[in-house]
Amino acid sequence: MLEIVSQQVRQLEAFRADVGLGLSQGQKRLPSRWLYDIRGCEIFEEITRLDEYYPTRTETAILRDNAREIAEFCGEAAVLLEYGAGAGIKTEFLIDALDCPRLYVPIDIAGEFLDETVVRMRQRFPDLQTLPVVADFTGDFEIPRGVPKSPRSAFFPGSTIGNLDADETGQFLRRVRVHVGLRGKAIIGVDLKKDVATLLAAYDDREGVTAAFNLNLLTRINRELGGDFSPEGFAHQARWNEVESAVEMHLVSLREQVVTVDGQRFGFEAGETIHTESSRKYDVPNFTEVLENGLWRVSAIWSDSDRRFAVFGLDAAW
């Protein structure tokens, strides 16, 4: 219990520091990980079911159709480490196909939501031991000592790697490489480049679910940090950044206003934005180059017929 409380305190302090720093910059920005409180996780699950949001159903179909081959890639008695586990829906296809998996380790920053996922997974796979880890996978953390050293496979679906910038991506790939060890494997989902209209629609749906997801961050700041944001004073916006090859999510101030958070005052001009997320899109050669810098070797690629999305199977390079 003390460890759980300590984790919560550390997370709150990290949130406070990120908000204070991010809102003080010329281009205000907040790390996308803070979008995922329990309500944010719930809204994101709604997003994955939207018509416009192709990544989830495309990747799900790839995993479903290639589950046996991906499971064989992981090997017998695999220890599966899932980064940013969320609801773990797609993970079920892989676990169901694995040959006598030893342990499932879901890792997520949203502790309450992770608890719900663990309950469901234990009901779905009663013979599989599940050991949850509450951690921010974008920072350093240790895999619990009781987790077998091998054979470990890292699972990182959802194109979440696109939310990381170049430095964060390199650090993450090296961190995972350490976690899985010498003979470790990794399965990473990557959203591929495509026409901009399709990309923007996926991040700005007609029903306004993605807008609610983005605006929920302001509600979280109010609740956890004593902020006085008026969410109705901001609007969700998705835009394409050609240089970064990324869809960006912003919260746009609809008027000139001053907001107080944790005793600090932050001014906004009308039209000024808070950059809350970038979702980078790759092509196969570009992402392969990124992986090699992270000490991985591409051993397999599974994709859909339209080449919208790819799942990379990786072996540790040394």
C-alpha atoms as a PDB file:
ATOM      1  CA  MET A   1       0.000   0.000   0.000  1.00  0.00           C
ATOM      2  CA  LEU A   2       2.835   2.413   0.871  1.00  0.00           C
ATOM      3  CA  GLU A   3       4.448   1.732  -2.511  1.00  0.00           C
ATOM      4  CA  ILE A   4       1.163   2.510  -4.309  1.00  0.00           C
ATOM      5  CA  VAL A   5       0.800   5.788  -2.383  1.00  0.00           C
ATOM      6  CA  SER A   6       4.424   6.638  -3.145  1.00  0.00           C
ATOM      7  CA  GLN A   7       3.863   6.011  -6.868  1.00  0.00           C
ATOM      8  CA  GLN A   8       0.800   8.255  -6.817  1.00  0.00           C
ATOM      9  CA  VAL A   9       2.731  11.044  -5.097  1.00  0.00           C
ATOM     10  CA  ARG A  10       5.598  10.789  -7.592  1.00  0.00           C
ATOM     11  CA  GLN A  11       3.186  10.840 -10.501  1.00  0.00           C
ATOM     12  CA  LEU A  12       1.371  13.907  -9.169  1.00  0.00           C
ATOM     13  CA  GLU A  13       4.656  15.758  -8.677  1.00  0.00           C
ATOM     14  CA  ALA A  14       5.768  14.853 -12.205  1.00  0.00           C
ATOM     15  CA  PHE A  15       2.420  16.090 -13.534  1.00  0.00           C
ATOM     16  CA  ARG A  16       2.772  19.355 -11.611  1.00  0.00           C
ATOM     17  CA  ALA A  17       6.303  19.898 -12.917  1.00  0.00           C
ATOM     18  CA  ASP A  18       5.348  19.157 -16.545  1.00  0.00           C
ATOM     19  CA  VAL A  19       2.337  21.474 -16.450  1.00  0.00           C
ATOM     20  CA  GLY A  20       4.284  24.331 -14.838  1.00  0.00           C
ATOM     21  CA  LEU A  21       7.111  24.030 -17.328  1.00  0.00           C
ATOM     22  CA  GLY A  22       4.952  23.324 -20.379  1.00  0.00           C
ATOM     23  CA  LEU A  23       2.597  26.282 -19.894  1.00  0.00           C
ATOM     24  CA  SER A  24       5.558  28.631 -19.375  1.00  0.00           C
ATOM     25  CA  GLN A  25       6.993  28.045 -22.863  1.00  0.00           C
ATOM     26  CA  GLY A  26       6.485  30.231 -25.923  1.00  0.00           C
ATOM     27  CA  GLN A  27       4.659  27.368 -27.602  1.00  0.00           C
ATOM     28  CA  LYS A  28       2.740  25.965 -24.689  1.00  0.00           C
ATOM     29  CA  ARG A  29       2.870  22.170 -24.644  1.00  0.00           C
ATOM     30  CA  LEU A  30       2.021  19.253 -22.382  1.00  0.00           C
ATOM     31  CA  PRO A  31       3.325  15.675 -22.675  1.00  0.00           C
ATOM     32  CA  SER A  32       0.718  13.390 -24.214  1.00  0.00           C
ATOM     33  CA  ARG A  33       1.030  10.830 -21.409  1.00  0.00           C
ATOM     34  CA  TRP A  34      -1.044  13.107 -19.167  1.00  0.00           C
ATOM     35  CA  LEU A  35      -4.047  12.669 -21.469  1.00  0.00           C
ATOM     36  CA  TYR A  36      -4.488   9.215 -19.961  1.00  0.00           C
ATOM     37  CA  ASP A  37      -6.119   9.515 -16.570  1.00  0.00           C
ATOM     38  CA  ILE A  38      -8.904   6.987 -16.019  1.00  0.00           C
ATOM     39  CA  ARG A  39     -11.435   9.167 -17.866  1.00  0.00           C
ATOM     40  CA  GLY A  40      -8.975   9.800 -20.672  1.00  0.00           C
ATOM     41  CA  CYS A  41      -8.409   6.054 -21.049  1.00  0.00           C
ATOM     42  CA  GLU A  42     -12.150   5.486 -21.221  1.00  0.00           C
ATOM     43  CA  ILE A  43     -12.594   8.143 -23.903  1.00  0.00           C
ATOM     44  CA  PHE A  44      -9.659   6.784 -25.882  1.00  0.00           C
ATOM     45  CA  GLU A  45     -11.325   3.372 -25.962  1.00  0.00           C
ATOM     46  CA  GLU A  46     -14.344   5.132 -27.516  1.00  0.00           C
ATOM     47  CA  ILE A  47     -12.027   6.701 -30.104  1.00  0.00           C
ATOM     48  CA  THR A  48     -10.723   3.295 -31.154  1.00  0.00           C
ATOM     49  CA  ARG A  49     -14.245   2.296 -32.178  1.00  0.00           C
ATOM     50  CA  LEU A  50     -14.876   5.334 -34.397  1.00  0.00           C
ATOM     51  CA  ASP A  51     -15.255   4.947 -38.172  1.00  0.00           C
ATOM     52  CA  GLU A  52     -12.565   7.557 -38.820  1.00  0.00           C
ATOM     53  CA  TYR A  53     -10.022   5.958 -36.487  1.00  0.00           C
ATOM     54  CA  TYR A  54      -8.578   3.271 -38.768  1.00  0.00           C
ATOM     55  CA  PRO A  55      -5.380   2.397 -36.759  1.00  0.00           C
ATOM     56  CA  THR A  56      -7.044   0.198 -34.138  1.00  0.00           C
ATOM     57  CA  ARG A  57      -9.176  -1.931 -36.447  1.00  0.00           C
ATOM     58  CA  THR A  58      -6.357  -2.215 -38.994  1.00  0.00           C
ATOM     59  CA  GLU A  59      -3.792  -3.323 -36.446  1.00  0.00           C
ATOM     60  CA  THR A  60      -6.328  -5.616 -34.769  1.00  0.00           C
ATOM     61  CA  ALA A  61      -6.941  -7.356 -38.097  1.00  0.00           C
ATOM     62  CA  ILE A  62      -3.176  -7.745 -38.657  1.00  0.00           C
ATOM     63  CA  LEU A  63      -2.717  -9.278 -35.209  1.00  0.00           C
ATOM     64  CA  ARG A  64      -5.750 -11.522 -35.588  1.00  0.00           C
ATOM     65  CA  ASP A  65      -4.780 -12.767 -39.042  1.00  0.00           C
ATOM     66  CA  ASN A  66      -1.118 -13.323 -38.147  1.00  0.00           C
ATOM     67  CA  ALA A  67      -1.449 -14.311 -34.492  1.00  0.00           C
ATOM     68  CA  ARG A  68      -0.006 -17.800 -34.935  1.00  0.00           C
ATOM     69  CA  GLU A  69       3.043 -16.555 -36.843  1.00  0.00           C
ATOM     70  CA  ILE A  70       3.657 -13.728 -34.364  1.00  0.00           C
ATOM     71  CA  ALA A  71       3.319 -16.191 -31.476  1.00  0.00           C
ATOM     72  CA  GLU A  72       5.867 -18.499 -33.088  1.00  0.00           C
ATOM     73  CA  PHE A  73       8.182 -15.503 -33.410  1.00  0.00           C
ATOM     74  CA  CYS A  74       7.888 -14.929 -29.634  1.00  0.00           C
ATOM     75  CA  GLY A  75       8.593 -18.598 -28.937  1.00  0.00           C
ATOM     76  CA  GLU A  76       7.477 -21.086 -26.329  1.00  0.00           C
ATOM     77  CA  ALA A  77       6.908 -20.095 -22.691  1.00  0.00           C
ATOM     78  CA  ALA A  78       7.169 -16.398 -23.496  1.00  0.00           C
ATOM     79  CA  VAL A  79       7.162 -13.655 -20.884  1.00  0.00           C
ATOM     80  CA  LEU A  80       5.139 -10.849 -22.476  1.00  0.00           C
ATOM     81  CA  LEU A  81       5.888  -7.269 -21.429  1.00  0.00           C
ATOM     82  CA  GLU A  82       3.283  -4.832 -22.777  1.00  0.00           C
ATOM     83  CA  TYR A  83       4.131  -1.130 -22.721  1.00  0.00           C
ATOM     84  CA  GLY A  84       1.166   1.266 -22.455  1.00  0.00           C
ATOM     85  CA  ALA A  85      -1.181  -1.683 -21.998  1.00  0.00           C
ATOM     86  CA  GLY A  86      -4.432   0.295 -21.835  1.00  0.00           C
ATOM     87  CA  ALA A  87      -7.406  -2.042 -22.111  1.00  0.00           C
ATOM     88  CA  GLY A  88      -5.273  -4.817 -23.619  1.00  0.00           C
ATOM     89  CA  ILE A  89      -7.928  -5.764 -26.167  1.00  0.00           C
ATOM     90  CA  LYS A  90      -5.515  -6.490 -29.021  1.00  0.00           C
ATOM     91  CA  THR A  91      -3.226  -8.335 -26.637  1.00  0.00           C
ATOM     92  CA  GLU A  92      -5.798 -11.098 -26.293  1.00  0.00           C
ATOM     93  CA  PHE A  93      -5.164 -12.278 -29.863  1.00  0.00           C
ATOM     94  CA  LEU A  94      -1.471 -12.693 -29.134  1.00  0.00           C
ATOM     95  CA  ILE A  95      -1.845 -14.295 -25.707  1.00  0.00           C
ATOM     96  CA  ASP A  96      -4.445 -16.697 -27.072  1.00  0.00           C
ATOM     97  CA  ALA A  97      -1.985 -17.842 -29.757  1.00  0.00           C
ATOM     98  CA  LEU A  98       1.143 -18.076 -27.558  1.00  0.00           C
ATOM     99  CA  ASP A  99       2.522 -21.522 -26.746  1.00  0.00           C
ATOM    100  CA  CYS A 100       2.338 -21.947 -22.953  1.00  0.00           C
ATOM    101  CA  PRO A 101       3.069 -18.302 -22.026  1.00  0.00           C
ATOM    102  CA  ARG A 102       4.709 -17.980 -18.605  1.00  0.00           C
ATOM    103  CA  LEU A 103       3.749 -14.454 -17.566  1.00  0.00           C
ATOM    104  CA  TYR A 104       1.978 -11.301 -18.771  1.00  0.00           C
ATOM    105  CA  VAL A 105       3.353  -7.975 -17.503  1.00  0.00           C
ATOM    106  CA  PRO A 106       1.105  -5.041 -18.498  1.00  0.00           C
ATOM    107  CA  ILE A 107       2.760  -1.653 -17.950  1.00  0.00           C
ATOM    108  CA  ASP A 108       0.771   1.585 -17.832  1.00  0.00           C
ATOM    109  CA  ILE A 109       0.836   4.988 -16.180  1.00  0.00           C
ATOM    110  CA  ALA A 110      -2.929   4.919 -15.424  1.00  0.00           C
ATOM    111  CA  GLY A 111      -3.054   2.713 -12.336  1.00  0.00           C
ATOM    112  CA  GLU A 112      -6.824   2.575 -11.863  1.00  0.00           C
ATOM    113  CA  PHE A 113      -7.457   1.724 -15.494  1.00  0.00           C
ATOM    114  CA  LEU A 114      -4.663  -0.874 -15.361  1.00  0.00           C
ATOM    115  CA  ASP A 115      -6.396  -2.533 -12.400  1.00  0.00           C
ATOM    116  CA  GLU A 116      -9.533  -2.985 -14.494  1.00  0.00           C
ATOM    117  CA  THR A 117      -7.496  -4.464 -17.335  1.00  0.00           C
ATOM    118  CA  VAL A 118      -5.802  -6.934 -15.006  1.00  0.00           C
ATOM    119  CA  VAL A 119      -9.140  -8.143 -13.604  1.00  0.00           C
ATOM    120  CA  ARG A 120     -10.452  -8.751 -17.119  1.00  0.00           C
ATOM    121  CA  MET A 121      -7.262 -10.478 -18.264  1.00  0.00           C
ATOM    122  CA  ARG A 122      -7.236 -12.804 -15.257  1.00  0.00           C
ATOM    123  CA  GLN A 123     -10.815 -13.753 -16.020  1.00  0.00           C
ATOM    124  CA  ARG A 124     -10.029 -14.270 -19.715  1.00  0.00           C
ATOM    125  CA  PHE A 125      -6.798 -16.232 -19.079  1.00  0.00           C
ATOM    126  CA  PRO A 126      -7.123 -17.782 -15.596  1.00  0.00           C
ATOM    127  CA  ASP A 127      -4.061 -20.029 -16.080  1.00  0.00           C
ATOM    128  CA  LEU A 128      -1.762 -17.149 -17.025  1.00  0.00           C
ATOM    129  CA  GLN A 129      -0.041 -15.250 -14.249  1.00  0.00           C
ATOM    130  CA  THR A 130      -0.451 -11.488 -14.648  1.00  0.00           C
ATOM    131  CA  LEU A 131       1.845  -9.010 -12.926  1.00  0.00           C
ATOM    132  CA  PRO A 132       0.904  -5.340 -13.498  1.00  0.00           C
ATOM    133  CA  VAL A 133       3.463  -2.534 -13.300  1.00  0.00           C
ATOM    134  CA  VAL A 134       2.341   1.068 -12.815  1.00  0.00           C
ATOM    135  CA  ALA A 135       4.994   3.129 -14.593  1.00  0.00           C
ATOM    136  CA  ASP A 136       5.543   5.781 -17.228  1.00  0.00           C
ATOM    137  CA  PHE A 137       7.145   3.803 -20.054  1.00  0.00           C
ATOM    138  CA  THR A 138       8.712   7.014 -21.456  1.00  0.00           C
ATOM    139  CA  GLY A 139      10.975   7.172 -18.392  1.00  0.00           C
ATOM    140  CA  ASP A 140      13.354   4.742 -16.731  1.00  0.00           C
ATOM    141  CA  PHE A 141      11.831   2.032 -14.560  1.00  0.00           C
ATOM    142  CA  GLU A 142      12.750  -1.475 -13.463  1.00  0.00           C
ATOM    143  CA  ILE A 143      11.046  -4.713 -14.385  1.00  0.00           C
ATOM    144  CA  PRO A 144      10.178  -6.477 -11.075  1.00  0.00           C
ATOM    145  CA  ARG A 145      12.817  -8.933  -9.886  1.00  0.00           C
ATOM    146  CA  GLY A 146      10.423 -11.871  -9.902  1.00  0.00           C
ATOM    147  CA  VAL A 147       9.923 -11.692 -13.682  1.00  0.00           C
ATOM    148  CA  PRO A 148      11.867 -14.489 -15.449  1.00  0.00           C
ATOM    149  CA  LYS A 149      14.853 -13.210 -17.416  1.00  0.00           C
ATOM    150  CA  SER A 150      13.938 -15.061 -20.614  1.00  0.00           C
ATOM    151  CA  PRO A 151      12.423 -15.606 -23.021  1.00  0.00           C
ATOM    152  CA  ARG A 152      11.017 -12.058 -22.886  1.00  0.00           C
ATOM    153  CA  SER A 153       9.025 -10.381 -25.656  1.00  0.00           C
ATOM    154  CA  ALA A 154       8.063  -6.705 -25.589  1.00  0.00           C
ATOM    155  CA  PHE A 155       4.683  -5.772 -27.058  1.00  0.00           C
ATOM    156  CA  PHE A 156       4.028  -2.144 -28.006  1.00  0.00           C
ATOM    157  CA  PRO A 157       0.902  -1.923 -30.200  1.00  0.00           C
ATOM    158  CA  GLY A 158      -1.322   0.984 -31.145  1.00  0.00           C
ATOM    159  CA  SER A 159       1.284   3.063 -32.970  1.00  0.00           C
ATOM    160  CA  THR A 160       1.986   4.672 -29.600  1.00  0.00           C
ATOM    161  CA  ILE A 161       5.622   4.918 -30.609  1.00  0.00           C
ATOM    162  CA  GLY A 162       4.495   7.713 -32.932  1.00  0.00           C
ATOM    163  CA  ASN A 163       3.767   9.856 -29.863  1.00  0.00           C
ATOM    164  CA  LEU A 164       7.468   9.965 -29.000  1.00  0.00           C
ATOM    165  CA  ASP A 165       9.928  12.442 -30.496  1.00  0.00           C
ATOM    166  CA  ALA A 166      13.252  11.293 -31.959  1.00  0.00           C
ATOM    167  CA  ASP A 167      15.160  11.390 -28.659  1.00  0.00           C
ATOM    168  CA  GLU A 168      12.345   9.730 -26.728  1.00  0.00           C
ATOM    169  CA  THR A 169      12.032   7.014 -29.374  1.00  0.00           C
ATOM    170  CA  GLY A 170      15.741   6.194 -29.173  1.00  0.00           C
ATOM    171  CA  GLN A 171      15.651   6.131 -25.381  1.00  0.00           C
ATOM    172  CA  PHE A 172      12.556   3.934 -25.376  1.00  0.00           C
ATOM    173  CA  LEU A 173      14.026   1.409 -27.829  1.00  0.00           C
ATOM    174  CA  ARG A 174      17.211   1.160 -25.772  1.00  0.00           C
ATOM    175  CA  ARG A 175      15.211   0.809 -22.547  1.00  0.00           C
ATOM    176  CA  VAL A 176      13.112  -2.015 -23.987  1.00  0.00           C
ATOM    177  CA  ARG A 177      16.295  -3.630 -25.302  1.00  0.00           C
ATOM    178  CA  VAL A 178      17.638  -3.723 -21.729  1.00  0.00           C
ATOM    179  CA  HIS A 179      14.331  -5.032 -20.369  1.00  0.00           C
ATOM    180  CA  VAL A 180      14.116  -8.018 -22.728  1.00  0.00           C
ATOM    181  CA  GLY A 181      17.782  -8.964 -22.578  1.00  0.00           C
ATOM    182  CA  LEU A 182      20.200 -10.610 -25.018  1.00  0.00           C
ATOM    183  CA  ARG A 183      17.810 -12.958 -26.820  1.00  0.00           C
ATOM    184  CA  GLY A 184      14.791 -10.730 -26.412  1.00  0.00           C
ATOM    185  CA  LYS A 185      12.107  -9.977 -28.973  1.00  0.00           C
ATOM    186  CA  ALA A 186       9.808  -7.028 -29.613  1.00  0.00           C
ATOM    187  CA  ILE A 187       6.569  -6.544 -31.540  1.00  0.00           C
ATOM    188  CA  ILE A 188       5.855  -2.891 -32.337  1.00  0.00           C
ATOM    189  CA  GLY A 189       2.866  -1.424 -34.177  1.00  0.00           C
ATOM    190  CA  VAL A 190       3.551   1.503 -36.518  1.00  0.00           C
ATOM    191  CA  ASP A 191       1.111   3.730 -38.397  1.00  0.00           C
ATOM    192  CA  LEU A 192       2.367   4.277 -41.941  1.00  0.00           C
ATOM    193  CA  LYS A 193       2.307   7.466 -44.004  1.00  0.00           C
ATOM    194  CA  LYS A 194      -0.819   8.070 -46.109  1.00  0.00           C
ATOM    195  CA  ASP A 195      -2.961  10.903 -47.442  1.00  0.00           C
ATOM    196  CA  VAL A 196      -3.351  13.834 -45.064  1.00  0.00           C
ATOM    197  CA  ALA A 197      -7.172  13.916 -45.237  1.00  0.00           C
ATOM    198  CA  THR A 198      -7.381  10.385 -43.843  1.00  0.00           C
ATOM    199  CA  LEU A 199      -4.871  11.203 -41.125  1.00  0.00           C
ATOM    200  CA  LEU A 200      -6.604  14.384 -39.973  1.00  0.00           C
ATOM    201  CA  ALA A 201     -10.036  12.740 -39.909  1.00  0.00           C
ATOM    202  CA  ALA A 202      -8.671  10.061 -37.580  1.00  0.00           C
ATOM    203  CA  TYR A 203      -7.719  12.749 -35.048  1.00  0.00           C
ATOM    204  CA  ASP A 204     -10.718  15.056 -35.461  1.00  0.00           C
ATOM    205  CA  ASP A 205     -13.833  12.895 -35.698  1.00  0.00           C
ATOM    206  CA  ARG A 206     -17.292  14.203 -36.552  1.00  0.00           C
ATOM    207  CA  GLU A 207     -18.775  13.110 -33.214  1.00  0.00           C
ATOM    208  CA  GLY A 208     -16.277  15.142 -31.201  1.00  0.00           C
ATOM    209  CA  VAL A 209     -14.950  12.194 -29.178  1.00  0.00           C
ATOM    210  CA  THR A 210     -11.314  13.111 -29.820  1.00  0.00           C
ATOM    211  CA  ALA A 211     -12.105  16.698 -28.836  1.00  0.00           C
ATOM    212  CA  ALA A 212     -13.502  15.440 -25.526  1.00  0.00           C
ATOM    213  CA  PHE A 213     -10.367  13.350 -25.034  1.00  0.00           C
ATOM    214  CA  ASN A 214      -8.125  16.372 -25.570  1.00  0.00           C
ATOM    215  CA  LEU A 215     -10.214  18.758 -23.452  1.00  0.00           C
ATOM    216  CA  ASN A 216     -10.314  16.238 -20.606  1.00  0.00           C
ATOM    217  CA  LEU A 217      -6.691  17.170 -19.939  1.00  0.00           C
ATOM    218  CA  LEU A 218      -7.834  20.605 -18.752  1.00  0.00           C
ATOM    219  CA  THR A 219     -10.384  18.990 -16.452  1.00  0.00           C
ATOM    220  CA  ARG A 220      -7.627  16.802 -15.045  1.00  0.00           C
ATOM    221  CA  ILE A 221      -5.414  19.832 -14.383  1.00  0.00           C
ATOM    222  CA  ASN A 222      -8.300  21.522 -12.557  1.00  0.00           C
ATOM    223  CA  ARG A 223      -8.979  18.431 -10.448  1.00  0.00           C
ATOM    224  CA  GLU A 224      -5.437  17.377  -9.568  1.00  0.00           C
ATOM    225  CA  LEU A 225      -3.562  20.694  -9.556  1.00  0.00           C
ATOM    226  CA  GLY A 226      -6.233  23.168  -8.468  1.00  0.00           C
ATOM    227  CA  GLY A 227      -6.438  24.810 -11.881  1.00  0.00           C
ATOM    228  CA  ASP A 228      -9.230  27.116 -13.030  1.00  0.00           C
ATOM    229  CA  PHE A 229      -9.301  26.300 -16.743  1.00  0.00           C
ATOM    230  CA  SER A 230     -12.668  26.864 -18.441  1.00  0.00           C
ATOM    231  CA  PRO A 231     -12.731  23.974 -20.953  1.00  0.00           C
ATOM    232  CA  GLU A 232     -15.416  25.795 -22.934  1.00  0.00           C
ATOM    233  CA  GLY A 233     -12.826  28.512 -23.565  1.00  0.00           C
ATOM    234  CA  PHE A 234     -10.728  26.107 -25.636  1.00  0.00           C
ATOM    235  CA  ALA A 235     -11.298  24.076 -28.791  1.00  0.00           C
ATOM    236  CA  HIS A 236      -9.664  20.923 -30.105  1.00  0.00           C
ATOM    237  CA  GLN A 237      -7.642  21.181 -33.302  1.00  0.00           C
ATOM    238  CA  ALA A 238      -5.773  18.570 -35.381  1.00  0.00           C
ATOM    239  CA  ARG A 239      -3.133  19.778 -37.828  1.00  0.00           C
ATOM    240  CA  TRP A 240      -0.540  18.153 -40.097  1.00  0.00           C
ATOM    241  CA  ASN A 241       3.142  18.952 -39.570  1.00  0.00           C
ATOM    242  CA  GLU A 242       4.899  18.051 -42.811  1.00  0.00           C
ATOM    243  CA  VAL A 243       8.399  18.591 -41.417  1.00  0.00           C
ATOM    244  CA  GLU A 244       7.822  16.195 -38.518  1.00  0.00           C
ATOM    245  CA  SER A 245       5.568  13.881 -40.566  1.00  0.00           C
ATOM    246  CA  ALA A 246       3.103  14.052 -37.704  1.00  0.00           C
ATOM    247  CA  VAL A 247      -0.502  14.821 -36.863  1.00  0.00           C
ATOM    248  CA  GLU A 248      -0.488  17.307 -33.993  1.00  0.00           C
ATOM    249  CA  MET A 249      -3.274  17.832 -31.480  1.00  0.00           C
ATOM    250  CA  HIS A 250      -3.693  21.305 -30.028  1.00  0.00           C
ATOM    251  CA  LEU A 251      -6.039  23.043 -27.611  1.00  0.00           C
ATOM    252  CA  VAL A 252      -6.815  26.490 -29.028  1.00  0.00           C
ATOM    253  CA  SER A 253      -7.696  29.383 -26.750  1.00  0.00           C
ATOM    254  CA  LEU A 254     -10.933  30.929 -28.044  1.00  0.00           C
ATOM    255  CA  ARG A 255     -10.311  34.255 -26.335  1.00  0.00           C
ATOM    256  CA  GLU A 256      -7.727  36.239 -24.416  1.00  0.00           C
ATOM    257  CA  GLN A 257      -7.669  34.807 -20.914  1.00  0.00           C
ATOM    258  CA  VAL A 258      -5.569  34.155 -17.821  1.00  0.00           C
ATOM    259  CA  VAL A 259      -5.532  30.749 -16.139  1.00  0.00           C
ATOM    260  CA  THR A 260      -4.201  29.897 -12.685  1.00  0.00           C
ATOM    261  CA  VAL A 261      -2.672  26.478 -11.958  1.00  0.00           C
ATOM    262  CA  ASP A 262      -1.025  25.560  -8.661  1.00  0.00           C
ATOM    263  CA  GLY A 263      -0.689  29.249  -7.794  1.00  0.00           C
ATOM    264  CA  GLN A 264       0.913  30.195 -11.133  1.00  0.00           C
ATOM    265  CA  ARG A 265      -0.795  32.479 -13.652  1.00  0.00           C
ATOM    266  CA  PHE A 266      -0.585  31.760 -17.378  1.00  0.00           C
ATOM    267  CA  GLY A 267      -1.815  34.178 -20.013  1.00  0.00           C
ATOM    268  CA  PHE A 268      -3.339  33.122 -23.325  1.00  0.00           C
ATOM    269  CA  GLU A 269      -3.892  35.217 -26.419  1.00  0.00           C
ATOM    270  CA  ALA A 270      -6.914  34.442 -28.578  1.00  0.00           C
ATOM    271  CA  GLY A 271      -5.814  31.706 -30.986  1.00  0.00           C
ATOM    272  CA  GLU A 272      -2.828  30.647 -28.875  1.00  0.00           C
ATOM    273  CA  THR A 273      -2.507  26.888 -28.463  1.00  0.00           C
ATOM    274  CA  ILE A 274      -1.346  24.164 -26.110  1.00  0.00           C
ATOM    275  CA  HIS A 275       0.327  21.376 -28.093  1.00  0.00           C
ATOM    276  CA  THR A 276      -0.824  18.154 -26.412  1.00  0.00           C
ATOM    277  CA  GLU A 277       0.205  15.332 -28.746  1.00  0.00           C
ATOM    278  CA  SER A 278       2.144  14.464 -31.885  1.00  0.00           C
ATOM    279  CA  SER A 279       1.436  11.233 -33.762  1.00  0.00           C
ATOM    280  CA  ARG A 280       4.334  10.594 -36.105  1.00  0.00           C
ATOM    281  CA  LYS A 281       3.859   8.524 -39.249  1.00  0.00           C
ATOM    282  CA  TYR A 282       6.622   6.414 -40.747  1.00  0.00           C
ATOM    283  CA  ASP A 283       7.429   4.472 -43.866  1.00  0.00           C
ATOM    284  CA  VAL A 284       9.133   1.086 -43.576  1.00  0.00           C
ATOM    285  CA  PRO A 285      12.698   2.170 -44.562  1.00  0.00           C
ATOM    286  CA  ASN A 286      12.584   5.173 -42.233  1.00  0.00           C
ATOM    287  CA  PHE A 287      11.379   3.186 -39.241  1.00  0.00           C
ATOM    288  CA  THR A 288      13.891   0.421 -39.958  1.00  0.00           C
ATOM    289  CA  GLU A 289      16.656   3.009 -39.707  1.00  0.00           C
ATOM    290  CA  VAL A 290      15.261   4.239 -36.392  1.00  0.00           C
ATOM    291  CA  LEU A 291      15.216   0.679 -35.056  1.00  0.00           C
ATOM    292  CA  GLU A 292      18.799  -0.019 -35.993  1.00  0.00           C
ATOM    293  CA  ASN A 293      19.865   2.994 -33.948  1.00  0.00           C
ATOM    294  CA  GLY A 294      18.035   1.417 -31.018  1.00  0.00           C
ATOM    295  CA  LEU A 295      19.977  -1.860 -31.253  1.00  0.00           C
ATOM    296  CA  TRP A 296      17.248  -3.888 -32.925  1.00  0.00           C
ATOM    297  CA  ARG A 297      17.146  -5.976 -36.082  1.00  0.00           C
ATOM    298  CA  VAL A 298      13.960  -6.246 -38.173  1.00  0.00           C
ATOM    299  CA  SER A 299      13.142  -9.945 -38.578  1.00  0.00           C
ATOM    300  CA  ALA A 300       9.535  -9.766 -39.802  1.00  0.00           C
ATOM    301  CA  ILE A 301       6.921  -7.239 -40.913  1.00  0.00           C
ATOM    302  CA  TRP A 302       3.197  -7.946 -40.929  1.00  0.00           C
ATOM    303  CA  SER A 303       0.918  -5.478 -42.713  1.00  0.00           C
ATOM    304  CA  ASP A 304      -2.547  -5.023 -44.214  1.00  0.00           C
ATOM    305  CA  SER A 305      -3.173  -5.236 -47.959  1.00  0.00           C
ATOM    306  CA  ASP A 306      -3.477  -1.432 -48.258  1.00  0.00           C
ATOM    307  CA  ARG A 307      -0.211  -0.833 -46.368  1.00  0.00           C
ATOM    308  CA  ARG A 308      -1.887   1.473 -43.891  1.00  0.00           C
ATOM    309  CA  PHE A 309      -0.256  -0.052 -40.838  1.00  0.00           C
ATOM    310  CA  ALA A 310       2.641  -2.363 -40.037  1.00  0.00           C
ATOM    311  CA  VAL A 311       3.586  -4.606 -37.130  1.00  0.00           C
ATOM    312  CA  PHE A 312       7.346  -5.086 -36.839  1.00  0.00           C
ATOM    313  CA  GLY A 313       8.895  -8.233 -35.356  1.00  0.00           C
ATOM    314  CA  LEU A 314      12.304  -7.399 -33.868  1.00  0.00           C
ATOM    315  CA  ASP A 315      15.270  -9.316 -32.523  1.00  0.00           C
ATOM    316  CA  ALA A 316      17.897  -7.856 -30.255  1.00  0.00           C
ATOM    317  CA  ALA A 317      20.828  -6.903 -32.452  1.00  0.00           C
ATOM    318  CA  TRP A 318      23.534  -8.024 -30.008  1.00  0.00           C
END
